[in-house]
Amino acid sequence: MKVSASARCRRRAAPGLLLAAAPGLLAAATVVLVAACAPAEPPPPTVNLSGFPPAFQDGYAAGCESARRGVTRRDEKRYAQDRQYAAGWRDGQDLCGKPRKPR
């Protein structure tokens, strides 16, 4: 028996089946949208800081994050009193704020 094209187009999934799948599809779509909109954590410094003191490393991380986000983030008291932290912060601000040349 031959079925016409118009008859084939009229065949559809049962409406109850679509409604049963809707909550799961909605939840999956929500997860995807929220994950896409979540702020990404700044990547770790691309510079090896293992030979520097912890205060310098902390300052570098704060300075680098400040440069990347465009908002100053630093411990003002520590910046004023700790030379290593201040030097690291300035280096992080300078190096992370410059555009990188393609290799």
N, C-alpha and C. Protein backbone atom coordinates (compact mmCIF):
# COMPACT_ATOMS: atom_id res chain seq x y z
N MET A 1 0.83 -1.17 0.00
CA MET A 1 0.00 0.00 0.00
C MET A 1 0.88 1.24 0.00
N LYS A 2 0.57 2.16 -0.88
CA LYS A 2 1.35 3.37 -1.02
C LYS A 2 0.73 4.47 -0.17
N VAL A 3 1.56 5.20 0.59
CA VAL A 3 1.07 6.28 1.45
C VAL A 3 1.47 7.60 0.80
N SER A 4 0.55 8.50 0.68
CA SER A 4 0.84 9.79 0.05
C SER A 4 1.73 10.64 0.94
N ALA A 5 2.38 11.60 0.32
CA ALA A 5 3.28 12.50 1.06
C ALA A 5 2.52 13.30 2.09
N SER A 6 1.31 13.72 1.78
CA SER A 6 0.54 14.51 2.73
C SER A 6 0.16 13.67 3.95
N ALA A 7 -0.08 12.39 3.76
CA ALA A 7 -0.42 11.52 4.88
C ALA A 7 0.79 11.30 5.78
N ARG A 8 1.97 11.21 5.17
CA ARG A 8 3.19 11.03 5.97
C ARG A 8 3.47 12.27 6.81
N CYS A 9 3.19 13.46 6.28
CA CYS A 9 3.44 14.69 7.00
C CYS A 9 2.49 14.86 8.17
N ARG A 10 1.33 14.21 8.10
CA ARG A 10 0.35 14.36 9.17
C ARG A 10 0.71 13.54 10.40
N ARG A 11 1.61 12.59 10.24
CA ARG A 11 2.01 11.76 11.38
C ARG A 11 2.89 12.59 12.31
N ARG A 12 2.52 12.67 13.55
CA ARG A 12 3.27 13.47 14.53
C ARG A 12 3.41 12.69 15.82
N ALA A 13 4.34 13.15 16.64
CA ALA A 13 4.52 12.51 17.94
C ALA A 13 3.32 12.84 18.81
N ALA A 14 3.05 11.94 19.70
CA ALA A 14 1.93 12.15 20.61
C ALA A 14 2.20 13.37 21.48
N PRO A 15 1.23 14.27 21.68
CA PRO A 15 1.46 15.47 22.50
C PRO A 15 1.89 15.14 23.92
N GLY A 16 1.42 14.06 24.47
CA GLY A 16 1.80 13.69 25.83
C GLY A 16 3.29 13.39 25.95
N LEU A 17 3.87 12.83 24.89
CA LEU A 17 5.30 12.51 24.90
C LEU A 17 6.13 13.79 24.97
N LEU A 18 5.76 14.81 24.21
CA LEU A 18 6.49 16.08 24.23
C LEU A 18 6.37 16.76 25.58
N LEU A 19 5.19 16.74 26.17
CA LEU A 19 5.00 17.38 27.48
C LEU A 19 5.78 16.65 28.57
N ALA A 20 5.91 15.35 28.45
CA ALA A 20 6.66 14.58 29.45
C ALA A 20 8.16 14.90 29.37
N ALA A 21 8.66 15.20 28.16
CA ALA A 21 10.08 15.50 28.00
C ALA A 21 10.39 16.96 28.29
N ALA A 22 9.41 17.84 28.31
CA ALA A 22 9.62 19.29 28.47
C ALA A 22 10.38 19.66 29.73
N PRO A 23 10.06 19.14 30.92
CA PRO A 23 10.81 19.55 32.11
C PRO A 23 12.30 19.22 32.02
N GLY A 24 12.62 18.08 31.47
CA GLY A 24 14.04 17.71 31.34
C GLY A 24 14.76 18.59 30.35
N LEU A 25 14.09 18.91 29.23
CA LEU A 25 14.70 19.79 28.24
C LEU A 25 14.88 21.19 28.79
N LEU A 26 13.90 21.65 29.55
CA LEU A 26 13.99 22.98 30.15
C LEU A 26 15.14 23.04 31.15
N ALA A 27 15.29 22.01 31.95
CA ALA A 27 16.39 21.98 32.92
C ALA A 27 17.74 21.96 32.22
N ALA A 28 17.86 21.18 31.16
CA ALA A 28 19.13 21.12 30.42
C ALA A 28 19.45 22.46 29.78
N ALA A 29 18.45 23.11 29.20
CA ALA A 29 18.66 24.41 28.57
C ALA A 29 19.07 25.45 29.61
N THR A 30 18.47 25.39 30.78
CA THR A 30 18.81 26.33 31.85
C THR A 30 20.26 26.15 32.30
N VAL A 31 20.70 24.93 32.46
CA VAL A 31 22.07 24.65 32.87
C VAL A 31 23.06 25.19 31.83
N VAL A 32 22.77 24.99 30.57
CA VAL A 32 23.65 25.47 29.51
C VAL A 32 23.73 26.99 29.53
N LEU A 33 22.59 27.65 29.66
CA LEU A 33 22.58 29.12 29.68
C LEU A 33 23.30 29.69 30.89
N VAL A 34 23.10 29.11 32.05
CA VAL A 34 23.76 29.60 33.26
C VAL A 34 25.27 29.38 33.15
N ALA A 35 25.68 28.26 32.64
CA ALA A 35 27.12 27.98 32.51
C ALA A 35 27.76 28.93 31.51
N ALA A 36 27.04 29.29 30.47
CA ALA A 36 27.59 30.19 29.47
C ALA A 36 27.72 31.61 30.01
N CYS A 37 26.88 31.99 30.94
CA CYS A 37 26.89 33.35 31.48
C CYS A 37 27.76 33.50 32.73
N ALA A 38 28.21 32.42 33.30
CA ALA A 38 29.00 32.49 34.52
C ALA A 38 30.35 33.15 34.23
N PRO A 39 30.80 34.02 35.12
CA PRO A 39 32.09 34.66 34.89
C PRO A 39 33.22 33.64 35.00
N ALA A 40 34.13 33.71 34.08
CA ALA A 40 35.26 32.79 34.09
C ALA A 40 36.31 33.29 35.07
N GLU A 41 36.93 32.37 35.74
CA GLU A 41 38.02 32.74 36.64
C GLU A 41 39.22 33.16 35.79
N PRO A 42 39.98 34.14 36.25
CA PRO A 42 41.14 34.53 35.47
C PRO A 42 42.13 33.38 35.40
N PRO A 43 42.77 33.22 34.26
CA PRO A 43 43.74 32.13 34.15
C PRO A 43 44.94 32.40 35.04
N PRO A 44 45.63 31.35 35.46
CA PRO A 44 46.80 31.54 36.30
C PRO A 44 47.88 32.29 35.52
N PRO A 45 48.78 32.96 36.22
CA PRO A 45 49.83 33.68 35.52
C PRO A 45 50.61 32.75 34.59
N THR A 46 50.98 33.29 33.43
CA THR A 46 51.74 32.49 32.47
C THR A 46 53.24 32.62 32.73
N VAL A 47 53.57 33.18 33.86
CA VAL A 47 54.96 33.39 34.23
C VAL A 47 55.29 32.46 35.39
N ASN A 48 56.46 31.85 35.35
CA ASN A 48 56.88 30.97 36.44
C ASN A 48 57.38 31.83 37.60
N LEU A 49 56.63 31.84 38.68
CA LEU A 49 56.97 32.66 39.84
C LEU A 49 57.53 31.83 41.00
N SER A 50 57.90 30.59 40.72
CA SER A 50 58.31 29.69 41.81
C SER A 50 59.56 30.16 42.54
N GLY A 51 60.42 30.95 41.93
CA GLY A 51 61.63 31.41 42.60
C GLY A 51 61.45 32.69 43.39
N PHE A 52 60.25 33.24 43.37
CA PHE A 52 59.99 34.49 44.07
C PHE A 52 59.35 34.24 45.42
N PRO A 53 59.53 35.18 46.36
CA PRO A 53 58.91 35.00 47.68
C PRO A 53 57.38 35.03 47.59
N PRO A 54 56.70 34.42 48.55
CA PRO A 54 55.24 34.38 48.54
C PRO A 54 54.59 35.77 48.46
N ALA A 55 55.17 36.76 49.10
CA ALA A 55 54.60 38.11 49.07
C ALA A 55 54.61 38.65 47.64
N PHE A 56 55.70 38.42 46.91
CA PHE A 56 55.79 38.86 45.52
C PHE A 56 54.75 38.14 44.67
N GLN A 57 54.61 36.83 44.87
CA GLN A 57 53.64 36.03 44.12
C GLN A 57 52.21 36.53 44.36
N ASP A 58 51.89 36.84 45.62
CA ASP A 58 50.56 37.36 45.94
C ASP A 58 50.32 38.70 45.26
N GLY A 59 51.31 39.57 45.31
CA GLY A 59 51.19 40.88 44.68
C GLY A 59 51.06 40.76 43.17
N TYR A 60 51.85 39.86 42.58
CA TYR A 60 51.78 39.66 41.13
C TYR A 60 50.38 39.19 40.71
N ALA A 61 49.85 38.23 41.45
CA ALA A 61 48.51 37.70 41.12
C ALA A 61 47.45 38.81 41.23
N ALA A 62 47.53 39.63 42.26
CA ALA A 62 46.56 40.71 42.44
C ALA A 62 46.72 41.77 41.35
N GLY A 63 47.96 42.12 41.01
CA GLY A 63 48.20 43.11 39.97
C GLY A 63 47.76 42.62 38.60
N CYS A 64 48.02 41.36 38.33
CA CYS A 64 47.63 40.76 37.05
C CYS A 64 46.11 40.73 36.93
N GLU A 65 45.43 40.32 37.98
CA GLU A 65 43.97 40.29 37.96
C GLU A 65 43.41 41.70 37.79
N SER A 66 44.04 42.67 38.42
CA SER A 66 43.60 44.07 38.27
C SER A 66 43.70 44.51 36.81
N ALA A 67 44.80 44.18 36.17
CA ALA A 67 45.00 44.58 34.78
C ALA A 67 44.00 43.90 33.86
N ARG A 68 43.72 42.63 34.09
CA ARG A 68 42.81 41.88 33.22
C ARG A 68 41.37 42.32 33.39
N ARG A 69 40.98 42.64 34.61
CA ARG A 69 39.58 43.01 34.86
C ARG A 69 39.33 44.51 34.74
N GLY A 70 40.39 45.30 34.76
CA GLY A 70 40.23 46.75 34.66
C GLY A 70 39.78 47.39 35.95
N VAL A 71 39.86 46.67 37.06
CA VAL A 71 39.47 47.18 38.37
C VAL A 71 40.63 46.90 39.33
N THR A 72 41.05 47.92 40.07
CA THR A 72 42.18 47.74 40.99
C THR A 72 41.79 46.80 42.12
N ARG A 73 42.59 45.75 42.27
CA ARG A 73 42.41 44.79 43.34
C ARG A 73 43.76 44.64 44.03
N ARG A 74 43.87 45.20 45.20
CA ARG A 74 45.11 45.02 45.97
C ARG A 74 44.84 45.31 47.43
N ASP A 75 45.68 44.73 48.26
CA ASP A 75 45.64 44.95 49.70
C ASP A 75 46.43 46.23 49.96
N GLU A 76 45.71 47.34 50.18
CA GLU A 76 46.36 48.65 50.30
C GLU A 76 47.36 48.71 51.45
N LYS A 77 47.01 48.13 52.57
CA LYS A 77 47.92 48.15 53.73
C LYS A 77 49.20 47.37 53.40
N ARG A 78 49.02 46.22 52.82
CA ARG A 78 50.18 45.39 52.46
C ARG A 78 51.01 46.06 51.37
N TYR A 79 50.34 46.71 50.41
CA TYR A 79 51.03 47.40 49.32
C TYR A 79 51.92 48.52 49.88
N ALA A 80 51.42 49.22 50.91
CA ALA A 80 52.18 50.33 51.50
C ALA A 80 53.33 49.85 52.39
N GLN A 81 53.20 48.67 52.99
CA GLN A 81 54.18 48.22 53.98
C GLN A 81 55.12 47.12 53.49
N ASP A 82 54.73 46.35 52.48
CA ASP A 82 55.52 45.19 52.05
C ASP A 82 56.10 45.46 50.66
N ARG A 83 57.40 45.65 50.61
CA ARG A 83 58.06 45.98 49.34
C ARG A 83 57.94 44.86 48.31
N GLN A 84 58.00 43.62 48.77
CA GLN A 84 57.89 42.49 47.84
C GLN A 84 56.50 42.43 47.21
N TYR A 85 55.47 42.61 48.04
CA TYR A 85 54.10 42.60 47.54
C TYR A 85 53.91 43.73 46.52
N ALA A 86 54.39 44.93 46.86
CA ALA A 86 54.24 46.09 45.98
C ALA A 86 54.96 45.87 44.65
N ALA A 87 56.17 45.32 44.72
CA ALA A 87 56.92 45.06 43.48
C ALA A 87 56.20 44.02 42.62
N GLY A 88 55.68 42.98 43.24
CA GLY A 88 54.93 41.95 42.52
C GLY A 88 53.66 42.52 41.90
N TRP A 89 52.97 43.38 42.65
CA TRP A 89 51.74 43.97 42.14
C TRP A 89 52.03 44.83 40.91
N ARG A 90 53.07 45.65 40.99
CA ARG A 90 53.41 46.50 39.84
C ARG A 90 53.81 45.66 38.63
N ASP A 91 54.61 44.62 38.86
CA ASP A 91 55.01 43.75 37.74
C ASP A 91 53.79 43.05 37.12
N GLY A 92 52.90 42.54 37.96
CA GLY A 92 51.70 41.89 37.45
C GLY A 92 50.83 42.85 36.67
N GLN A 93 50.68 44.05 37.18
CA GLN A 93 49.88 45.08 36.51
C GLN A 93 50.50 45.42 35.15
N ASP A 94 51.81 45.58 35.12
CA ASP A 94 52.49 45.94 33.87
C ASP A 94 52.45 44.82 32.84
N LEU A 95 52.82 43.62 33.27
CA LEU A 95 52.93 42.51 32.31
C LEU A 95 51.58 42.00 31.82
N CYS A 96 50.61 41.92 32.69
CA CYS A 96 49.31 41.38 32.28
C CYS A 96 48.47 42.44 31.56
N GLY A 97 48.81 43.68 31.70
CA GLY A 97 48.05 44.73 31.05
C GLY A 97 48.46 44.98 29.61
N LYS A 98 49.61 44.47 29.20
CA LYS A 98 50.09 44.67 27.84
C LYS A 98 49.51 43.62 26.92
N PRO A 99 49.13 44.02 25.71
CA PRO A 99 48.68 43.00 24.75
C PRO A 99 49.84 42.11 24.34
N ARG A 100 49.56 40.85 24.16
CA ARG A 100 50.62 39.91 23.80
C ARG A 100 50.79 39.85 22.29
N LYS A 101 52.04 39.73 21.88
CA LYS A 101 52.33 39.60 20.45
C LYS A 101 52.14 38.14 20.05
N PRO A 102 51.52 37.91 18.89
CA PRO A 102 51.36 36.52 18.43
C PRO A 102 52.71 35.91 18.12
N ARG A 103 52.83 34.63 18.38
CA ARG A 103 54.11 33.94 18.13
C ARG A 103 54.17 33.42 16.74
